[in-house]
Amino acid sequence: MRKNTILLVEDDIESAHYLKMYLEDSSFKVDTFDTVTNAISNIKFNKYDLILLDVNLADFEGFEVLKFLNSHNIQIPTIVISAYSSKDYKLLSFRLGACDYVCKPIDPEELEARIWVHLKKQSLFELPDEKLFKIEDNSIYFKHNFLKLTKIEFDILSHLIKNKTQTVSRDEMLEYLSSNSKNDRSLDYHIRNIRKKLGDDGSNPAYLHTEYGVGYRLNG
């Protein structure tokens, strides 16, 4: 079963280390960053189930992360964790889309309980078993329809499905394919063919995205 992944944005090294250890012992996967810049960079390329966000960070206020989520229509439940207990900070957090506000010092057991509440709320909006892609009997189905793929197209798409919503680098994909694909150009050719079979718009894809200079990401 996939672990829920939390992005912890906290510049207090000791606090971040303690929270990370506690949450990982509670079966979460935790990525920690100490600046707004690094947090936003990772939100762009990774899927997070929840964000724990400090307000007072080294480069910018944590509110900039909430503004980024809003401007890009990214819906990730975000709990603000702050040393500020004033009403103004709380109201601003909620107005920018935070789902909760926890004042420091943090009780990790209470924080964990709040995390589970918001993860369960989020799951209410997800339809079970409504997957766009399904691998079954060495075949791939898209929207319940069988996809006629070559061997290498199957290998590429199945690897992207297994890493769905995560960006798979070109080097990683080439290594995974090993002898089947020797260079970037042939990989791009196969990616284009897969897009055609998905009915995806190459100039504005809905499913198979190219993160230029990085790799490929599959949505759905």
N, C-alpha and C. Protein backbone atom coordinates (compact mmCIF):
# COMPACT_ATOMS: atom_id res chain seq x y z
N MET A 1 0.84 -1.19 0.00
CA MET A 1 0.00 0.00 0.00
C MET A 1 0.89 1.26 0.00
N ARG A 2 0.51 2.23 -0.84
CA ARG A 2 1.31 3.46 -0.92
C ARG A 2 1.17 4.28 0.35
N LYS A 3 2.30 4.76 0.85
CA LYS A 3 2.27 5.61 2.03
C LYS A 3 1.81 7.01 1.65
N ASN A 4 1.06 7.66 2.52
CA ASN A 4 0.72 9.06 2.32
C ASN A 4 2.01 9.88 2.44
N THR A 5 2.19 10.79 1.48
CA THR A 5 3.41 11.59 1.43
C THR A 5 3.15 13.01 1.89
N ILE A 6 3.94 13.45 2.84
CA ILE A 6 3.79 14.79 3.43
C ILE A 6 4.99 15.64 3.08
N LEU A 7 4.71 16.88 2.70
CA LEU A 7 5.77 17.87 2.50
C LEU A 7 5.83 18.74 3.75
N LEU A 8 6.95 18.69 4.44
CA LEU A 8 7.17 19.48 5.65
C LEU A 8 8.09 20.65 5.30
N VAL A 9 7.57 21.87 5.44
CA VAL A 9 8.35 23.08 5.14
C VAL A 9 8.64 23.78 6.46
N GLU A 10 9.85 23.61 6.95
CA GLU A 10 10.23 24.08 8.29
C GLU A 10 11.72 24.36 8.31
N ASP A 11 12.11 25.57 8.74
CA ASP A 11 13.54 25.91 8.74
C ASP A 11 14.23 25.70 10.09
N ASP A 12 13.47 25.28 11.10
CA ASP A 12 14.08 24.90 12.37
C ASP A 12 14.53 23.44 12.24
N ILE A 13 15.82 23.23 12.12
CA ILE A 13 16.36 21.91 11.82
C ILE A 13 15.95 20.88 12.86
N GLU A 14 16.03 21.26 14.12
CA GLU A 14 15.70 20.32 15.20
C GLU A 14 14.23 19.94 15.15
N SER A 15 13.35 20.93 14.99
CA SER A 15 11.91 20.66 14.93
C SER A 15 11.56 19.81 13.72
N ALA A 16 12.17 20.14 12.56
CA ALA A 16 11.89 19.39 11.34
C ALA A 16 12.33 17.93 11.49
N HIS A 17 13.50 17.71 12.08
CA HIS A 17 14.00 16.36 12.27
C HIS A 17 13.09 15.56 13.20
N TYR A 18 12.65 16.19 14.28
CA TYR A 18 11.79 15.51 15.26
C TYR A 18 10.45 15.14 14.63
N LEU A 19 9.84 16.10 13.92
CA LEU A 19 8.54 15.83 13.29
C LEU A 19 8.66 14.76 12.21
N LYS A 20 9.71 14.84 11.42
CA LYS A 20 9.92 13.85 10.35
C LYS A 20 10.03 12.45 10.94
N MET A 21 10.81 12.29 12.00
CA MET A 21 10.97 10.99 12.63
C MET A 21 9.65 10.48 13.19
N TYR A 22 8.91 11.37 13.86
CA TYR A 22 7.63 10.95 14.45
C TYR A 22 6.65 10.51 13.36
N LEU A 23 6.53 11.31 12.30
CA LEU A 23 5.55 11.00 11.25
C LEU A 23 5.96 9.76 10.45
N GLU A 24 7.25 9.58 10.25
CA GLU A 24 7.68 8.37 9.54
C GLU A 24 7.44 7.13 10.39
N ASP A 25 7.56 7.25 11.70
CA ASP A 25 7.22 6.14 12.59
C ASP A 25 5.72 5.86 12.57
N SER A 26 4.94 6.86 12.14
CA SER A 26 3.48 6.71 12.06
C SER A 26 3.04 6.35 10.65
N SER A 27 3.99 5.85 9.83
CA SER A 27 3.73 5.28 8.51
C SER A 27 3.58 6.30 7.39
N PHE A 28 3.98 7.55 7.60
CA PHE A 28 3.99 8.54 6.53
C PHE A 28 5.36 8.58 5.85
N LYS A 29 5.35 9.03 4.61
CA LYS A 29 6.60 9.37 3.93
C LYS A 29 6.72 10.89 4.01
N VAL A 30 7.87 11.41 4.43
CA VAL A 30 8.02 12.84 4.68
C VAL A 30 9.21 13.40 3.92
N ASP A 31 8.96 14.44 3.12
CA ASP A 31 10.03 15.23 2.50
C ASP A 31 10.13 16.55 3.25
N THR A 32 11.32 16.97 3.61
CA THR A 32 11.49 18.22 4.37
C THR A 32 12.31 19.22 3.57
N PHE A 33 11.87 20.48 3.61
CA PHE A 33 12.60 21.58 2.98
C PHE A 33 12.51 22.79 3.89
N ASP A 34 13.54 23.66 3.81
CA ASP A 34 13.59 24.77 4.75
C ASP A 34 13.34 26.12 4.11
N THR A 35 13.01 26.15 2.82
CA THR A 35 12.71 27.42 2.15
C THR A 35 11.47 27.29 1.27
N VAL A 36 10.85 28.42 1.03
CA VAL A 36 9.71 28.47 0.11
C VAL A 36 10.15 28.04 -1.29
N THR A 37 11.30 28.52 -1.72
CA THR A 37 11.81 28.23 -3.06
C THR A 37 11.94 26.74 -3.30
N ASN A 38 12.57 26.03 -2.37
CA ASN A 38 12.75 24.58 -2.53
C ASN A 38 11.42 23.84 -2.43
N ALA A 39 10.54 24.32 -1.57
CA ALA A 39 9.23 23.67 -1.43
C ALA A 39 8.45 23.75 -2.74
N ILE A 40 8.36 24.94 -3.32
CA ILE A 40 7.61 25.12 -4.57
C ILE A 40 8.23 24.31 -5.70
N SER A 41 9.55 24.28 -5.77
CA SER A 41 10.23 23.51 -6.82
C SER A 41 9.83 22.04 -6.75
N ASN A 42 9.69 21.51 -5.54
CA ASN A 42 9.35 20.10 -5.40
C ASN A 42 7.86 19.83 -5.57
N ILE A 43 7.02 20.79 -5.24
CA ILE A 43 5.58 20.63 -5.48
C ILE A 43 5.32 20.50 -6.97
N LYS A 44 6.12 21.17 -7.79
CA LYS A 44 5.92 21.14 -9.24
C LYS A 44 6.11 19.73 -9.82
N PHE A 45 6.99 18.94 -9.21
CA PHE A 45 7.37 17.67 -9.81
C PHE A 45 7.02 16.44 -8.97
N ASN A 46 6.42 16.64 -7.81
CA ASN A 46 6.09 15.51 -6.95
C ASN A 46 4.65 15.62 -6.45
N LYS A 47 4.07 14.48 -6.16
CA LYS A 47 2.71 14.44 -5.64
C LYS A 47 2.76 14.36 -4.11
N TYR A 48 2.11 15.31 -3.46
CA TYR A 48 2.02 15.29 -2.00
C TYR A 48 0.56 15.19 -1.57
N ASP A 49 0.33 14.42 -0.52
CA ASP A 49 -1.02 14.26 -0.01
C ASP A 49 -1.39 15.37 0.97
N LEU A 50 -0.38 15.97 1.60
CA LEU A 50 -0.63 17.03 2.58
C LEU A 50 0.65 17.83 2.78
N ILE A 51 0.50 19.11 3.11
CA ILE A 51 1.64 19.98 3.37
C ILE A 51 1.57 20.50 4.81
N LEU A 52 2.68 20.44 5.50
CA LEU A 52 2.83 21.09 6.80
C LEU A 52 3.72 22.31 6.56
N LEU A 53 3.20 23.49 6.83
CA LEU A 53 3.85 24.72 6.36
C LEU A 53 4.11 25.70 7.50
N ASP A 54 5.38 25.95 7.75
CA ASP A 54 5.74 27.00 8.69
C ASP A 54 5.56 28.36 8.01
N VAL A 55 5.31 29.40 8.78
CA VAL A 55 5.11 30.74 8.22
C VAL A 55 6.44 31.49 8.11
N ASN A 56 7.23 31.42 9.14
CA ASN A 56 8.46 32.22 9.21
C ASN A 56 9.64 31.41 8.65
N LEU A 57 9.93 31.64 7.35
CA LEU A 57 11.01 30.89 6.69
C LEU A 57 12.12 31.83 6.26
N ALA A 58 13.24 31.25 5.87
CA ALA A 58 14.45 32.04 5.62
C ALA A 58 14.34 32.96 4.42
N ASP A 59 13.69 32.49 3.33
CA ASP A 59 13.67 33.30 2.11
C ASP A 59 12.40 34.13 1.97
N PHE A 60 11.23 33.51 2.18
CA PHE A 60 9.95 34.21 2.09
C PHE A 60 9.03 33.71 3.20
N GLU A 61 7.92 34.40 3.38
CA GLU A 61 6.91 33.88 4.30
C GLU A 61 6.25 32.65 3.67
N GLY A 62 5.87 31.71 4.54
CA GLY A 62 5.25 30.49 4.05
C GLY A 62 3.97 30.73 3.28
N PHE A 63 3.34 31.88 3.47
CA PHE A 63 2.11 32.21 2.74
C PHE A 63 2.33 32.15 1.22
N GLU A 64 3.58 32.36 0.79
CA GLU A 64 3.86 32.31 -0.65
C GLU A 64 3.60 30.92 -1.23
N VAL A 65 3.75 29.90 -0.42
CA VAL A 65 3.43 28.55 -0.88
C VAL A 65 1.93 28.43 -1.13
N LEU A 66 1.12 28.97 -0.21
CA LEU A 66 -0.33 28.94 -0.40
C LEU A 66 -0.73 29.73 -1.64
N LYS A 67 -0.09 30.87 -1.86
CA LYS A 67 -0.39 31.67 -3.05
C LYS A 67 -0.03 30.91 -4.32
N PHE A 68 1.08 30.17 -4.30
CA PHE A 68 1.48 29.37 -5.45
C PHE A 68 0.44 28.28 -5.73
N LEU A 69 -0.01 27.60 -4.70
CA LEU A 69 -1.02 26.55 -4.87
C LEU A 69 -2.29 27.13 -5.50
N ASN A 70 -2.69 28.31 -5.01
CA ASN A 70 -3.90 28.95 -5.54
C ASN A 70 -3.74 29.33 -7.00
N SER A 71 -2.61 29.95 -7.33
CA SER A 71 -2.40 30.45 -8.69
C SER A 71 -2.29 29.33 -9.71
N HIS A 72 -1.90 28.13 -9.26
CA HIS A 72 -1.76 27.00 -10.17
C HIS A 72 -2.88 25.97 -9.99
N ASN A 73 -3.89 26.34 -9.21
CA ASN A 73 -5.05 25.46 -8.98
C ASN A 73 -4.62 24.07 -8.51
N ILE A 74 -3.65 24.04 -7.60
CA ILE A 74 -3.18 22.78 -7.02
C ILE A 74 -3.86 22.60 -5.66
N GLN A 75 -4.59 21.52 -5.53
CA GLN A 75 -5.36 21.30 -4.32
C GLN A 75 -4.69 20.26 -3.43
N ILE A 76 -3.93 20.75 -2.47
CA ILE A 76 -3.28 19.89 -1.49
C ILE A 76 -3.65 20.45 -0.11
N PRO A 77 -4.27 19.65 0.76
CA PRO A 77 -4.59 20.16 2.09
C PRO A 77 -3.32 20.62 2.80
N THR A 78 -3.38 21.83 3.35
CA THR A 78 -2.19 22.44 3.95
C THR A 78 -2.49 22.87 5.38
N ILE A 79 -1.70 22.38 6.30
CA ILE A 79 -1.80 22.78 7.71
C ILE A 79 -0.67 23.75 8.01
N VAL A 80 -1.01 24.94 8.42
CA VAL A 80 0.00 25.92 8.81
C VAL A 80 0.44 25.62 10.23
N ILE A 81 1.75 25.55 10.43
CA ILE A 81 2.31 25.35 11.78
C ILE A 81 3.13 26.60 12.10
N SER A 82 2.74 27.32 13.13
CA SER A 82 3.34 28.64 13.33
C SER A 82 3.52 28.99 14.80
N ALA A 83 4.55 29.79 15.04
CA ALA A 83 4.76 30.33 16.39
C ALA A 83 3.84 31.50 16.66
N TYR A 84 3.19 32.01 15.60
CA TYR A 84 2.29 33.16 15.75
C TYR A 84 0.87 32.69 16.07
N SER A 85 0.35 33.19 17.18
CA SER A 85 -1.00 32.78 17.58
C SER A 85 -2.03 33.88 17.35
N SER A 86 -1.63 34.96 16.69
CA SER A 86 -2.56 36.08 16.50
C SER A 86 -3.67 35.72 15.53
N LYS A 87 -4.81 36.36 15.73
CA LYS A 87 -5.98 36.12 14.88
C LYS A 87 -5.69 36.50 13.44
N ASP A 88 -4.91 37.56 13.22
CA ASP A 88 -4.62 38.02 11.86
C ASP A 88 -3.90 36.94 11.05
N TYR A 89 -2.92 36.29 11.65
CA TYR A 89 -2.19 35.24 10.94
C TYR A 89 -3.10 34.05 10.63
N LYS A 90 -3.95 33.72 11.57
CA LYS A 90 -4.87 32.60 11.36
C LYS A 90 -5.85 32.90 10.23
N LEU A 91 -6.42 34.11 10.26
CA LEU A 91 -7.39 34.48 9.22
C LEU A 91 -6.74 34.53 7.84
N LEU A 92 -5.53 35.09 7.78
CA LEU A 92 -4.84 35.15 6.49
C LEU A 92 -4.57 33.75 5.96
N SER A 93 -4.16 32.84 6.83
CA SER A 93 -3.90 31.46 6.42
C SER A 93 -5.14 30.82 5.82
N PHE A 94 -6.27 30.98 6.51
CA PHE A 94 -7.52 30.37 6.03
C PHE A 94 -8.00 31.04 4.74
N ARG A 95 -7.82 32.35 4.64
CA ARG A 95 -8.23 33.05 3.43
C ARG A 95 -7.41 32.62 2.22
N LEU A 96 -6.17 32.22 2.47
CA LEU A 96 -5.30 31.75 1.38
C LEU A 96 -5.47 30.26 1.11
N GLY A 97 -6.35 29.60 1.85
CA GLY A 97 -6.68 28.21 1.54
C GLY A 97 -6.17 27.15 2.49
N ALA A 98 -5.51 27.55 3.59
CA ALA A 98 -5.07 26.54 4.56
C ALA A 98 -6.29 25.83 5.13
N CYS A 99 -6.14 24.54 5.41
CA CYS A 99 -7.26 23.78 5.97
C CYS A 99 -7.20 23.73 7.50
N ASP A 100 -6.06 24.13 8.07
CA ASP A 100 -5.93 24.08 9.52
C ASP A 100 -4.76 24.98 9.94
N TYR A 101 -4.72 25.32 11.23
CA TYR A 101 -3.67 26.19 11.76
C TYR A 101 -3.30 25.67 13.14
N VAL A 102 -2.05 25.30 13.32
CA VAL A 102 -1.58 24.74 14.59
C VAL A 102 -0.47 25.61 15.14
N CYS A 103 -0.61 26.02 16.39
CA CYS A 103 0.39 26.88 17.02
C CYS A 103 1.48 26.04 17.67
N LYS A 104 2.70 26.54 17.58
CA LYS A 104 3.82 25.91 18.26
C LYS A 104 3.80 26.30 19.74
N PRO A 105 4.35 25.48 20.65
CA PRO A 105 4.99 24.18 20.39
C PRO A 105 3.96 23.12 19.98
N ILE A 106 4.36 22.23 19.10
CA ILE A 106 3.45 21.26 18.51
C ILE A 106 3.41 19.98 19.33
N ASP A 107 2.19 19.51 19.57
CA ASP A 107 1.99 18.19 20.15
C ASP A 107 1.89 17.22 18.97
N PRO A 108 2.87 16.36 18.75
CA PRO A 108 2.87 15.52 17.54
C PRO A 108 1.68 14.58 17.44
N GLU A 109 1.17 14.10 18.58
CA GLU A 109 0.00 13.22 18.54
C GLU A 109 -1.23 13.97 18.05
N GLU A 110 -1.40 15.20 18.53
CA GLU A 110 -2.53 16.01 18.08
C GLU A 110 -2.38 16.35 16.60
N LEU A 111 -1.15 16.69 16.20
CA LEU A 111 -0.90 17.02 14.80
C LEU A 111 -1.21 15.82 13.91
N GLU A 112 -0.79 14.63 14.33
CA GLU A 112 -1.08 13.43 13.54
C GLU A 112 -2.59 13.22 13.40
N ALA A 113 -3.32 13.43 14.48
CA ALA A 113 -4.78 13.28 14.43
C ALA A 113 -5.40 14.26 13.43
N ARG A 114 -4.91 15.50 13.45
CA ARG A 114 -5.41 16.50 12.50
C ARG A 114 -5.08 16.11 11.06
N ILE A 115 -3.88 15.58 10.85
CA ILE A 115 -3.47 15.15 9.51
C ILE A 115 -4.43 14.10 8.97
N TRP A 116 -4.75 13.10 9.80
CA TRP A 116 -5.64 12.03 9.35
C TRP A 116 -7.04 12.56 9.04
N VAL A 117 -7.50 13.51 9.83
CA VAL A 117 -8.82 14.10 9.56
C VAL A 117 -8.85 14.72 8.18
N HIS A 118 -7.82 15.49 7.84
CA HIS A 118 -7.82 16.19 6.55
C HIS A 118 -7.55 15.23 5.38
N LEU A 119 -6.79 14.18 5.61
CA LEU A 119 -6.58 13.19 4.55
C LEU A 119 -7.88 12.44 4.26
N LYS A 120 -8.65 12.16 5.29
CA LYS A 120 -9.93 11.47 5.09
C LYS A 120 -10.93 12.38 4.37
N LYS A 121 -10.92 13.66 4.71
CA LYS A 121 -11.79 14.61 4.00
C LYS A 121 -11.44 14.65 2.53
N GLN A 122 -10.14 14.66 2.25
CA GLN A 122 -9.67 14.72 0.86
C GLN A 122 -10.12 13.49 0.09
N SER A 123 -10.11 12.33 0.75
CA SER A 123 -10.44 11.09 0.06
C SER A 123 -11.91 11.02 -0.34
N LEU A 124 -12.76 11.83 0.29
CA LEU A 124 -14.17 11.86 -0.07
C LEU A 124 -14.39 12.33 -1.50
N PHE A 125 -13.42 13.08 -2.02
CA PHE A 125 -13.55 13.62 -3.37
C PHE A 125 -12.92 12.71 -4.42
N GLU A 126 -12.37 11.58 -4.00
CA GLU A 126 -11.74 10.66 -4.93
C GLU A 126 -12.67 9.47 -5.18
N LEU A 127 -12.92 9.17 -6.42
CA LEU A 127 -13.79 8.05 -6.77
C LEU A 127 -12.98 6.76 -6.80
N PRO A 128 -13.33 5.78 -5.97
CA PRO A 128 -12.57 4.54 -5.95
C PRO A 128 -12.72 3.76 -7.25
N ASP A 129 -11.61 3.11 -7.65
CA ASP A 129 -11.60 2.22 -8.81
C ASP A 129 -11.88 2.92 -10.12
N GLU A 130 -11.87 4.25 -10.15
CA GLU A 130 -12.06 4.98 -11.40
C GLU A 130 -10.70 5.38 -11.95
N LYS A 131 -9.93 4.39 -12.34
CA LYS A 131 -8.59 4.65 -12.83
C LYS A 131 -8.62 4.73 -14.35
N LEU A 132 -7.92 5.72 -14.89
CA LEU A 132 -7.86 5.86 -16.35
C LEU A 132 -7.04 4.72 -16.95
N PHE A 133 -5.97 4.32 -16.24
CA PHE A 133 -5.06 3.30 -16.76
C PHE A 133 -5.13 2.06 -15.88
N LYS A 134 -5.12 0.90 -16.54
CA LYS A 134 -5.14 -0.35 -15.79
C LYS A 134 -4.26 -1.37 -16.51
N ILE A 135 -3.38 -2.02 -15.76
CA ILE A 135 -2.53 -3.08 -16.32
C ILE A 135 -3.12 -4.42 -15.89
N GLU A 136 -3.41 -5.26 -16.88
CA GLU A 136 -4.02 -6.55 -16.58
C GLU A 136 -3.60 -7.58 -17.61
N ASP A 137 -3.08 -8.72 -17.16
CA ASP A 137 -2.67 -9.81 -18.06
C ASP A 137 -1.73 -9.32 -19.16
N ASN A 138 -0.70 -8.56 -18.76
CA ASN A 138 0.29 -8.04 -19.70
C ASN A 138 -0.32 -7.17 -20.80
N SER A 139 -1.43 -6.55 -20.48
CA SER A 139 -2.08 -5.60 -21.39
C SER A 139 -2.39 -4.33 -20.62
N ILE A 140 -2.50 -3.22 -21.34
CA ILE A 140 -2.84 -1.95 -20.72
C ILE A 140 -4.19 -1.49 -21.27
N TYR A 141 -5.06 -1.07 -20.35
CA TYR A 141 -6.37 -0.55 -20.73
C TYR A 141 -6.43 0.93 -20.36
N PHE A 142 -6.95 1.72 -21.27
CA PHE A 142 -7.11 3.16 -21.05
C PHE A 142 -8.59 3.50 -21.19
N LYS A 143 -9.16 4.01 -20.09
CA LYS A 143 -10.61 4.27 -20.03
C LYS A 143 -11.38 3.00 -20.39
N HIS A 144 -10.89 1.86 -19.88
CA HIS A 144 -11.50 0.54 -20.06
C HIS A 144 -11.33 -0.02 -21.47
N ASN A 145 -10.58 0.67 -22.33
CA ASN A 145 -10.36 0.19 -23.69
C ASN A 145 -8.94 -0.35 -23.83
N PHE A 146 -8.81 -1.50 -24.50
CA PHE A 146 -7.51 -2.12 -24.73
C PHE A 146 -6.65 -1.23 -25.64
N LEU A 147 -5.39 -1.01 -25.23
CA LEU A 147 -4.45 -0.25 -26.05
C LEU A 147 -3.56 -1.22 -26.82
N LYS A 148 -3.51 -1.06 -28.14
CA LYS A 148 -2.64 -1.87 -28.96
C LYS A 148 -1.27 -1.21 -28.99
N LEU A 149 -0.31 -1.81 -28.28
CA LEU A 149 1.01 -1.20 -28.10
C LEU A 149 2.09 -2.15 -28.58
N THR A 150 3.20 -1.58 -29.03
CA THR A 150 4.38 -2.39 -29.29
C THR A 150 5.00 -2.77 -27.94
N LYS A 151 5.96 -3.68 -27.98
CA LYS A 151 6.60 -4.12 -26.73
C LYS A 151 7.24 -2.93 -26.01
N ILE A 152 7.97 -2.10 -26.73
CA ILE A 152 8.65 -0.99 -26.07
C ILE A 152 7.66 0.06 -25.59
N GLU A 153 6.57 0.28 -26.34
CA GLU A 153 5.53 1.21 -25.88
C GLU A 153 4.89 0.70 -24.60
N PHE A 154 4.66 -0.61 -24.54
CA PHE A 154 4.11 -1.20 -23.31
C PHE A 154 5.06 -0.99 -22.14
N ASP A 155 6.35 -1.21 -22.37
CA ASP A 155 7.34 -1.06 -21.29
C ASP A 155 7.38 0.39 -20.79
N ILE A 156 7.35 1.34 -21.72
CA ILE A 156 7.39 2.75 -21.34
C ILE A 156 6.15 3.14 -20.55
N LEU A 157 4.98 2.80 -21.10
CA LEU A 157 3.73 3.22 -20.47
C LEU A 157 3.52 2.53 -19.13
N SER A 158 3.86 1.25 -19.05
CA SER A 158 3.67 0.53 -17.78
C SER A 158 4.57 1.12 -16.69
N HIS A 159 5.79 1.53 -17.07
CA HIS A 159 6.69 2.13 -16.08
C HIS A 159 6.14 3.49 -15.62
N LEU A 160 5.57 4.25 -16.53
CA LEU A 160 4.98 5.53 -16.16
C LEU A 160 3.74 5.33 -15.29
N ILE A 161 2.96 4.30 -15.58
CA ILE A 161 1.77 4.01 -14.75
C ILE A 161 2.18 3.66 -13.33
N LYS A 162 3.24 2.86 -13.21
CA LYS A 162 3.70 2.46 -11.88
C LYS A 162 4.26 3.65 -11.09
N ASN A 163 4.68 4.70 -11.82
CA ASN A 163 5.20 5.91 -11.17
C ASN A 163 4.27 7.10 -11.43
N LYS A 164 2.98 6.82 -11.50
CA LYS A 164 2.00 7.82 -11.90
C LYS A 164 2.07 9.08 -11.05
N THR A 165 1.99 10.23 -11.72
CA THR A 165 2.07 11.59 -11.17
C THR A 165 3.48 11.98 -10.74
N GLN A 166 4.43 11.02 -10.77
CA GLN A 166 5.82 11.33 -10.48
C GLN A 166 6.56 11.54 -11.81
N THR A 167 7.52 12.44 -11.83
CA THR A 167 8.31 12.65 -13.03
C THR A 167 9.41 11.60 -13.12
N VAL A 168 9.41 10.85 -14.22
CA VAL A 168 10.44 9.85 -14.48
C VAL A 168 11.48 10.48 -15.40
N SER A 169 12.70 10.56 -14.95
CA SER A 169 13.74 11.21 -15.75
C SER A 169 14.04 10.40 -17.01
N ARG A 170 14.56 11.08 -18.04
CA ARG A 170 14.93 10.40 -19.27
C ARG A 170 15.98 9.33 -19.00
N ASP A 171 16.95 9.66 -18.16
CA ASP A 171 18.01 8.69 -17.86
C ASP A 171 17.44 7.45 -17.17
N GLU A 172 16.50 7.68 -16.23
CA GLU A 172 15.89 6.54 -15.54
C GLU A 172 15.11 5.68 -16.52
N MET A 173 14.35 6.32 -17.43
CA MET A 173 13.56 5.57 -18.40
C MET A 173 14.47 4.77 -19.33
N LEU A 174 15.54 5.40 -19.81
CA LEU A 174 16.47 4.69 -20.70
C LEU A 174 17.14 3.52 -19.99
N GLU A 175 17.48 3.72 -18.73
CA GLU A 175 18.08 2.62 -17.96
C GLU A 175 17.08 1.49 -17.77
N TYR A 176 15.81 1.85 -17.50
CA TYR A 176 14.76 0.84 -17.33
C TYR A 176 14.56 0.04 -18.62
N LEU A 177 14.60 0.74 -19.75
CA LEU A 177 14.38 0.07 -21.03
C LEU A 177 15.61 -0.72 -21.47
N SER A 178 16.77 -0.36 -20.95
CA SER A 178 18.07 -0.99 -21.25
C SER A 178 18.27 -1.14 -22.75
N SER A 179 18.33 -2.37 -23.25
CA SER A 179 18.70 -2.60 -24.66
C SER A 179 17.59 -2.22 -25.63
N ASN A 180 16.38 -1.96 -25.14
CA ASN A 180 15.28 -1.66 -26.05
C ASN A 180 15.37 -0.27 -26.65
N SER A 181 16.01 0.67 -25.96
CA SER A 181 16.09 2.03 -26.47
C SER A 181 17.46 2.59 -26.15
N LYS A 182 18.16 3.03 -27.18
CA LYS A 182 19.56 3.40 -27.00
C LYS A 182 19.79 4.90 -26.89
N ASN A 183 18.82 5.72 -27.31
CA ASN A 183 19.07 7.15 -27.29
C ASN A 183 17.80 7.94 -27.06
N ASP A 184 17.97 9.22 -26.74
CA ASP A 184 16.84 10.09 -26.45
C ASP A 184 15.90 10.22 -27.64
N ARG A 185 16.47 10.27 -28.85
CA ARG A 185 15.63 10.51 -30.02
C ARG A 185 14.61 9.39 -30.20
N SER A 186 15.04 8.13 -30.07
CA SER A 186 14.10 7.02 -30.22
C SER A 186 13.07 7.01 -29.10
N LEU A 187 13.47 7.44 -27.91
CA LEU A 187 12.53 7.52 -26.80
C LEU A 187 11.44 8.54 -27.10
N ASP A 188 11.82 9.71 -27.61
CA ASP A 188 10.84 10.72 -27.99
C ASP A 188 9.86 10.19 -29.04
N TYR A 189 10.37 9.41 -29.98
CA TYR A 189 9.53 8.82 -31.03
C TYR A 189 8.46 7.93 -30.41
N HIS A 190 8.86 7.09 -29.47
CA HIS A 190 7.90 6.18 -28.84
C HIS A 190 6.91 6.95 -27.97
N ILE A 191 7.36 7.99 -27.30
CA ILE A 191 6.46 8.82 -26.49
C ILE A 191 5.38 9.44 -27.38
N ARG A 192 5.79 9.95 -28.56
CA ARG A 192 4.82 10.54 -29.49
C ARG A 192 3.79 9.50 -29.95
N ASN A 193 4.25 8.29 -30.21
CA ASN A 193 3.33 7.24 -30.64
C ASN A 193 2.34 6.87 -29.54
N ILE A 194 2.82 6.83 -28.30
CA ILE A 194 1.93 6.52 -27.18
C ILE A 194 0.87 7.61 -27.05
N ARG A 195 1.29 8.88 -27.19
CA ARG A 195 0.33 9.99 -27.11
C ARG A 195 -0.76 9.84 -28.17
N LYS A 196 -0.37 9.48 -29.38
CA LYS A 196 -1.36 9.30 -30.45
C LYS A 196 -2.37 8.24 -30.09
N LYS A 197 -1.91 7.15 -29.49
CA LYS A 197 -2.80 6.05 -29.14
C LYS A 197 -3.71 6.41 -27.96
N LEU A 198 -3.27 7.39 -27.16
CA LEU A 198 -4.12 7.89 -26.06
C LEU A 198 -5.07 8.98 -26.54
N GLY A 199 -4.88 9.44 -27.79
CA GLY A 199 -5.66 10.57 -28.28
C GLY A 199 -5.26 11.86 -27.60
N ASP A 200 -4.00 11.91 -27.16
CA ASP A 200 -3.51 13.06 -26.40
C ASP A 200 -2.99 14.14 -27.35
N ASP A 201 -3.20 15.38 -26.99
CA ASP A 201 -2.74 16.52 -27.78
C ASP A 201 -1.27 16.76 -27.47
N GLY A 202 -0.40 16.57 -28.47
CA GLY A 202 1.03 16.71 -28.24
C GLY A 202 1.43 18.10 -27.79
N SER A 203 0.70 19.15 -28.24
CA SER A 203 1.05 20.52 -27.87
C SER A 203 0.51 20.90 -26.50
N ASN A 204 -0.53 20.21 -26.05
CA ASN A 204 -1.11 20.49 -24.73
C ASN A 204 -1.67 19.20 -24.14
N PRO A 205 -0.78 18.26 -23.78
CA PRO A 205 -1.23 16.93 -23.36
C PRO A 205 -2.00 16.95 -22.04
N ALA A 206 -3.01 16.09 -21.98
CA ALA A 206 -3.78 15.95 -20.75
C ALA A 206 -3.28 14.80 -19.89
N TYR A 207 -2.60 13.83 -20.53
CA TYR A 207 -2.22 12.63 -19.80
C TYR A 207 -0.70 12.43 -19.71
N LEU A 208 -0.03 12.45 -20.86
CA LEU A 208 1.40 12.17 -20.88
C LEU A 208 2.18 13.46 -21.12
N HIS A 209 2.78 13.97 -20.05
CA HIS A 209 3.45 15.27 -20.08
C HIS A 209 4.96 15.10 -20.22
N THR A 210 5.57 16.00 -20.97
CA THR A 210 7.02 16.08 -21.03
C THR A 210 7.48 17.24 -20.16
N GLU A 211 8.29 16.95 -19.15
CA GLU A 211 8.90 17.99 -18.34
C GLU A 211 10.25 18.27 -18.99
N TYR A 212 10.31 19.33 -19.79
CA TYR A 212 11.47 19.56 -20.66
C TYR A 212 12.77 19.66 -19.85
N GLY A 213 13.74 18.90 -20.31
CA GLY A 213 15.04 18.85 -19.65
C GLY A 213 15.06 17.94 -18.44
N VAL A 214 13.89 17.34 -18.11
CA VAL A 214 13.81 16.49 -16.93
C VAL A 214 13.37 15.07 -17.30
N GLY A 215 12.13 14.95 -17.81
CA GLY A 215 11.64 13.62 -18.12
C GLY A 215 10.17 13.63 -18.47
N TYR A 216 9.45 12.59 -18.01
CA TYR A 216 8.05 12.39 -18.39
C TYR A 216 7.20 12.12 -17.16
N ARG A 217 5.93 12.58 -17.25
CA ARG A 217 5.00 12.39 -16.12
C ARG A 217 3.64 12.02 -16.67
N LEU A 218 3.01 11.02 -16.04
CA LEU A 218 1.69 10.55 -16.47
C LEU A 218 0.66 10.95 -15.43
N ASN A 219 -0.41 11.56 -15.88
CA ASN A 219 -1.54 11.88 -15.02
C ASN A 219 -2.66 10.88 -15.24
N GLY A 220 -3.50 10.74 -14.22
CA GLY A 220 -4.64 9.84 -14.35
C GLY A 220 -4.41 8.51 -13.69
